[in-house]
Amino acid sequence: MELLQNKDIKDLIEIAIKEDVGSGDHSSLACIPADKQGKAYCVAKEAGIIAGIELAQYIFKRIDSDLQYTPLKKDGDLIAIGDRIFNVTGSDISILTAERLVLNFMQRLSGIASQSYKISQLLKDYHTTILDTRKTTPGMRLLEKWAVKLGGCSNHRIGLYDMIMIKDNHIDFAGGISQAIEKAQHYLKFKGLDIPIEIETRNLKEVEEVLNFGGVNRIMLDNFKPELIKEAVALINKRFETEASGGITMDTILDYAATGVDFISVGALTHSSKSIDLSLRAEA
């Protein structure tokens, strides 16, 4: 897992350990002999896509470098109820200290990967690319966006720094669409930045304004109904990339994909995915 080389991810894990372990796992320290060795395994209690296999290994080793970790699945594998995910052997106290840290990460990331997989499979016959958004858990963004890709969807911008997205408030404060685009272009030139510009539109009149002025890479069609998106896509006629956004659900997403729009952004990939139920059990 390439992300484990990222300092921000390592720092996040340290924060999680400090938050959960604090001065020590006193429950385990009180009940279990310090030298007792054992074996545990992770089992799936739900079907889905597993995510966090390598992350789990990193956490176990961070808690106790002597723990022996054996993955039985790979990140991105489909899992069924009852599947074993990994085995871990060593100090009982160390295994129990790491248990909740490992499961919290894996369950959350597996839930996102599973939701992303469902949507990617639902739209596999369409050319539309499904994107996540910045509606992520603070501190978890890189991991959550990794899980989205693991499930077969794609990432939108990572943060505020890798794309200019001119939204309705930017347009209103700037004085209009053409003013906002012009200011964005001047800013990029002044800063020597080479990042794309996307602009949000709220109706066909605003789409026409963008087409008349140009100077962007993608037009977002925000809270458009599918029939209006189809009309907008025909109007734009491939001059710019198109993206549908706003309140799109599993029940309606096929209607949006059928419009021919290039991208659909779905905040629910990260902010509303249900965690997959996993359990760590002692080997008898």
Protein backbone atom coordinates (compact mmCIF):
# COMPACT_ATOMS: atom_id res chain seq x y z
CA MET A 1 0.00 0.00 0.00
CA GLU A 2 1.80 3.04 -1.31
CA LEU A 3 -0.03 5.36 1.07
CA LEU A 4 1.85 3.84 4.01
CA GLN A 5 4.92 5.73 2.80
CA ASN A 6 2.99 8.98 3.27
CA LYS A 7 3.93 10.89 6.44
CA ASP A 8 0.36 12.15 6.87
CA ILE A 9 -0.96 8.57 7.02
CA LYS A 10 1.72 7.57 9.52
CA ASP A 11 0.88 10.61 11.63
CA LEU A 12 -2.82 9.70 11.48
CA ILE A 13 -2.06 6.21 12.79
CA GLU A 14 -0.02 7.71 15.64
CA ILE A 15 -2.96 9.96 16.54
CA ALA A 16 -5.29 6.95 16.49
CA ILE A 17 -2.95 4.96 18.76
CA LYS A 18 -2.64 7.86 21.21
CA GLU A 19 -6.40 8.34 21.21
CA ASP A 20 -7.21 4.68 21.87
CA VAL A 21 -4.28 3.27 23.84
CA GLY A 22 -3.27 6.32 25.86
CA SER A 23 -1.31 5.20 28.94
CA GLY A 24 -1.93 1.53 28.16
CA ASP A 25 -4.52 -1.19 27.51
CA HIS A 26 -5.24 -1.66 31.21
CA SER A 27 -8.03 -4.20 30.61
CA SER A 28 -5.65 -6.59 28.85
CA LEU A 29 -2.72 -5.80 31.14
CA ALA A 30 -4.87 -6.57 34.18
CA CYS A 31 -6.34 -9.86 32.93
CA ILE A 32 -3.70 -11.52 30.78
CA PRO A 33 -0.18 -12.71 31.71
CA ALA A 34 2.48 -10.59 30.03
CA ASP A 35 4.14 -13.60 28.39
CA LYS A 36 0.98 -15.31 27.11
CA GLN A 37 1.05 -16.02 23.37
CA GLY A 38 -1.89 -16.80 21.13
CA LYS A 39 -3.46 -16.59 17.68
CA ALA A 40 -6.42 -14.63 16.37
CA TYR A 41 -8.13 -14.24 13.03
CA CYS A 42 -10.33 -11.65 11.34
CA VAL A 43 -13.62 -12.89 9.90
CA ALA A 44 -16.12 -11.14 7.64
CA LYS A 45 -19.66 -10.83 8.97
CA GLU A 46 -20.81 -9.10 5.79
CA ALA A 47 -20.07 -9.46 2.09
CA GLY A 48 -18.27 -6.69 0.19
CA ILE A 49 -14.87 -5.43 -0.88
CA ILE A 50 -12.08 -5.69 1.68
CA ALA A 51 -9.80 -2.71 2.22
CA GLY A 52 -6.99 -2.13 4.69
CA ILE A 53 -5.13 -5.45 4.59
CA GLU A 54 -1.69 -3.83 4.40
CA LEU A 55 -2.76 -1.04 6.75
CA ALA A 56 -3.69 -3.66 9.35
CA GLN A 57 -0.26 -5.22 9.08
CA TYR A 58 1.37 -1.82 9.62
CA ILE A 59 -0.74 -1.17 12.74
CA PHE A 60 -0.08 -4.60 14.27
CA LYS A 61 3.66 -4.20 13.69
CA ARG A 62 3.56 -0.66 15.06
CA ILE A 63 1.99 -1.97 18.29
CA ASP A 64 4.37 -4.94 18.52
CA SER A 65 7.05 -5.70 15.94
CA ASP A 66 7.13 -9.34 17.08
CA LEU A 67 3.55 -10.03 16.00
CA GLN A 68 3.30 -12.39 13.02
CA TYR A 69 0.69 -11.24 10.50
CA THR A 70 -0.57 -13.47 7.67
CA PRO A 71 -2.95 -11.89 5.16
CA LEU A 72 -5.46 -14.29 3.59
CA LYS A 73 -6.99 -11.70 1.25
CA LYS A 74 -5.68 -8.78 -0.80
CA ASP A 75 -6.94 -5.22 -0.77
CA GLY A 76 -9.76 -5.04 -3.29
CA ASP A 77 -10.82 -8.69 -3.01
CA LEU A 78 -14.49 -9.60 -2.90
CA ILE A 79 -15.35 -11.21 0.42
CA ALA A 80 -18.31 -13.29 1.60
CA ILE A 81 -19.79 -13.81 5.06
CA GLY A 82 -17.53 -16.15 7.01
CA ASP A 83 -14.38 -15.50 4.98
CA ARG A 84 -11.16 -15.28 6.96
CA ILE A 85 -9.31 -12.05 6.21
CA PHE A 86 -6.03 -12.49 8.11
CA ASN A 87 -4.35 -14.38 10.94
CA VAL A 88 -2.19 -12.76 13.60
CA THR A 89 0.02 -14.58 16.10
CA GLY A 90 2.00 -13.40 19.12
CA SER A 91 1.43 -11.61 22.41
CA ASP A 92 -2.24 -11.79 23.41
CA ILE A 93 -1.97 -8.35 25.00
CA SER A 94 -0.51 -6.81 21.83
CA ILE A 95 -3.19 -8.39 19.63
CA LEU A 96 -5.97 -7.04 21.83
CA THR A 97 -4.36 -3.61 22.04
CA ALA A 98 -4.30 -3.35 18.24
CA GLU A 99 -7.70 -4.96 17.65
CA ARG A 100 -9.98 -1.93 17.66
CA LEU A 101 -7.51 0.28 15.79
CA VAL A 102 -7.27 -2.29 13.00
CA LEU A 103 -11.01 -2.93 12.81
CA ASN A 104 -11.97 0.75 12.88
CA PHE A 105 -9.81 1.48 9.84
CA MET A 106 -10.67 -1.68 7.93
CA GLN A 107 -14.43 -1.53 8.51
CA ARG A 108 -14.65 2.12 7.43
CA LEU A 109 -12.47 1.71 4.35
CA SER A 110 -14.12 -1.57 3.34
CA GLY A 111 -17.52 0.10 3.56
CA ILE A 112 -16.42 2.86 1.18
CA ALA A 113 -14.80 0.38 -1.21
CA SER A 114 -17.94 -1.78 -1.16
CA GLN A 115 -20.27 1.15 -1.87
CA SER A 116 -17.96 2.32 -4.66
CA TYR A 117 -17.92 -1.18 -6.14
CA LYS A 118 -21.73 -1.38 -6.18
CA ILE A 119 -21.99 1.91 -8.06
CA SER A 120 -19.13 1.11 -10.46
CA GLN A 121 -20.77 -2.22 -11.33
CA LEU A 122 -24.15 -0.57 -11.74
CA LEU A 123 -22.67 1.83 -14.32
CA LYS A 124 -20.18 -0.53 -15.99
CA ASP A 125 -22.00 -0.31 -19.33
CA TYR A 126 -21.93 3.50 -19.41
CA HIS A 127 -19.03 5.76 -20.34
CA THR A 128 -19.71 7.99 -17.31
CA THR A 129 -16.98 8.19 -14.63
CA ILE A 130 -18.13 8.22 -11.01
CA LEU A 131 -16.25 10.68 -8.78
CA ASP A 132 -16.03 11.17 -5.04
CA THR A 133 -16.00 14.61 -3.38
CA ARG A 134 -14.28 16.41 -0.49
CA LYS A 135 -17.02 15.21 1.89
CA THR A 136 -14.60 13.00 3.78
CA THR A 137 -13.71 12.32 7.41
CA PRO A 138 -11.12 14.91 8.56
CA GLY A 139 -7.67 13.31 8.55
CA MET A 140 -8.94 10.26 6.62
CA ARG A 141 -9.24 11.83 3.16
CA LEU A 142 -6.31 10.09 1.46
CA LEU A 143 -7.33 6.69 2.81
CA GLU A 144 -11.00 7.18 1.98
CA LYS A 145 -10.22 8.33 -1.56
CA TRP A 146 -7.91 5.31 -1.92
CA ALA A 147 -10.85 3.08 -0.92
CA VAL A 148 -13.06 4.76 -3.54
CA LYS A 149 -10.56 3.84 -6.26
CA LEU A 150 -10.21 0.34 -4.84
CA GLY A 151 -13.94 -0.09 -5.39
CA GLY A 152 -13.74 0.99 -9.01
CA CYS A 153 -14.73 4.66 -8.89
CA SER A 154 -12.46 7.69 -9.34
CA ASN A 155 -11.25 10.68 -7.35
CA HIS A 156 -12.29 14.27 -7.86
CA ARG A 157 -9.87 16.90 -6.57
CA ILE A 158 -7.99 15.93 -3.43
CA GLY A 159 -8.34 19.32 -1.76
CA LEU A 160 -8.69 23.02 -2.42
CA TYR A 161 -5.20 23.17 -3.90
CA ASP A 162 -5.28 20.88 -6.97
CA MET A 163 -8.19 22.35 -8.93
CA ILE A 164 -10.00 25.66 -9.17
CA MET A 165 -13.68 24.96 -8.68
CA ILE A 166 -15.75 28.09 -9.17
CA LYS A 167 -18.97 27.48 -7.25
CA ASP A 168 -22.14 29.54 -6.97
CA ASN A 169 -20.84 31.67 -4.09
CA HIS A 170 -17.58 32.41 -5.97
CA ILE A 171 -19.62 33.50 -8.98
CA ASP A 172 -21.91 35.72 -6.92
CA PHE A 173 -19.05 37.34 -4.98
CA ALA A 174 -17.00 37.85 -8.16
CA GLY A 175 -19.89 39.61 -9.90
CA GLY A 176 -20.82 36.98 -12.45
CA ILE A 177 -19.61 34.00 -14.47
CA SER A 178 -17.33 35.80 -16.91
CA GLN A 179 -15.78 37.87 -14.11
CA ALA A 180 -15.13 34.76 -12.02
CA ILE A 181 -13.49 32.85 -14.89
CA GLU A 182 -11.38 35.84 -15.89
CA LYS A 183 -10.16 36.33 -12.32
CA ALA A 184 -9.33 32.62 -12.03
CA GLN A 185 -7.31 32.72 -15.25
CA HIS A 186 -5.36 35.79 -14.13
CA TYR A 187 -4.71 34.17 -10.75
CA LEU A 188 -3.30 30.99 -12.30
CA LYS A 189 -1.06 33.00 -14.61
CA PHE A 190 0.16 35.23 -11.76
CA LYS A 191 0.89 32.21 -9.53
CA GLY A 192 2.41 30.15 -12.32
CA LEU A 193 -0.01 27.31 -11.60
CA ASP A 194 -1.14 24.66 -14.05
CA ILE A 195 -4.34 23.25 -12.55
CA PRO A 196 -7.75 22.78 -14.20
CA ILE A 197 -10.71 25.10 -13.83
CA GLU A 198 -14.22 23.79 -13.25
CA ILE A 199 -17.26 26.02 -12.96
CA GLU A 200 -20.64 25.27 -11.43
CA THR A 201 -23.78 26.20 -13.32
CA ARG A 202 -27.31 26.32 -11.95
CA ASN A 203 -29.36 26.54 -15.15
CA LEU A 204 -29.07 26.52 -18.95
CA LYS A 205 -28.64 30.28 -19.08
CA GLU A 206 -25.45 29.97 -17.01
CA VAL A 207 -24.27 27.11 -19.22
CA GLU A 208 -24.66 29.40 -22.23
CA GLU A 209 -22.69 32.13 -20.45
CA VAL A 210 -19.80 29.72 -19.86
CA LEU A 211 -19.91 28.57 -23.48
CA ASN A 212 -19.79 32.16 -24.68
CA PHE A 213 -16.81 33.05 -22.47
CA GLY A 214 -14.88 29.76 -22.44
CA GLY A 215 -11.68 29.43 -20.44
CA VAL A 216 -12.60 26.39 -18.32
CA ASN A 217 -11.95 22.67 -18.45
CA ARG A 218 -15.21 21.32 -17.07
CA ILE A 219 -18.76 22.51 -16.54
CA MET A 220 -20.61 21.24 -13.48
CA LEU A 221 -24.37 20.87 -13.87
CA ASP A 222 -25.49 21.28 -10.29
CA ASN A 223 -28.91 19.99 -9.19
CA PHE A 224 -30.06 19.56 -12.79
CA LYS A 225 -32.75 16.95 -13.43
CA PRO A 226 -31.67 14.22 -15.90
CA GLU A 227 -33.77 15.62 -18.76
CA LEU A 228 -32.14 19.05 -18.29
CA ILE A 229 -28.66 17.50 -18.13
CA LYS A 230 -29.32 15.77 -21.44
CA GLU A 231 -30.22 19.14 -22.91
CA ALA A 232 -27.11 20.76 -21.41
CA VAL A 233 -24.80 17.99 -22.66
CA ALA A 234 -26.17 18.48 -26.19
CA LEU A 235 -25.69 22.25 -25.87
CA ILE A 236 -22.08 21.89 -24.66
CA ASN A 237 -21.47 19.37 -27.46
CA LYS A 238 -18.11 18.09 -26.11
CA ARG A 239 -16.53 21.57 -26.03
CA PHE A 240 -15.89 21.01 -22.33
CA GLU A 241 -16.08 18.09 -19.94
CA THR A 242 -19.41 17.80 -18.16
CA GLU A 243 -20.19 16.78 -14.59
CA ALA A 244 -23.50 16.13 -12.89
CA SER A 245 -23.73 16.78 -9.16
CA GLY A 246 -26.24 17.26 -6.38
CA GLY A 247 -28.45 14.76 -4.60
CA ILE A 248 -27.73 11.84 -6.91
CA THR A 249 -28.49 8.47 -5.29
CA MET A 250 -28.25 4.77 -6.15
CA ASP A 251 -31.92 4.94 -7.17
CA THR A 252 -31.41 7.77 -9.67
CA ILE A 253 -27.82 7.42 -10.87
CA LEU A 254 -28.65 5.33 -13.94
CA ASP A 255 -30.96 8.08 -15.17
CA TYR A 256 -28.06 10.55 -14.92
CA ALA A 257 -25.57 8.21 -16.61
CA ALA A 258 -28.01 7.76 -19.51
CA THR A 259 -27.79 11.50 -20.29
CA GLY A 260 -24.26 11.11 -21.69
CA VAL A 261 -22.64 13.29 -19.02
CA ASP A 262 -18.89 12.63 -18.62
CA PHE A 263 -18.72 12.61 -14.81
CA ILE A 264 -21.09 12.15 -11.91
CA SER A 265 -19.88 13.24 -8.46
CA VAL A 266 -21.38 11.38 -5.51
CA GLY A 267 -20.62 12.67 -2.03
CA ALA A 268 -22.35 9.64 -0.51
CA LEU A 269 -19.41 7.43 -1.57
CA THR A 270 -17.56 8.71 1.47
CA HIS A 271 -19.97 10.55 3.76
CA SER A 272 -22.75 7.95 3.80
CA SER A 273 -21.09 4.57 3.26
CA LYS A 274 -21.94 1.98 5.91
CA SER A 275 -18.96 0.26 7.51
CA ILE A 276 -18.50 -3.44 6.75
CA ASP A 277 -18.87 -5.65 9.83
CA LEU A 278 -15.61 -7.46 10.63
CA SER A 279 -14.67 -9.33 13.80
CA LEU A 280 -11.40 -10.40 15.40
CA ARG A 281 -11.66 -13.76 17.17
CA ALA A 282 -9.27 -15.76 19.27
CA GLU A 283 -8.21 -19.07 17.71
CA ALA A 284 -9.39 -21.95 19.90
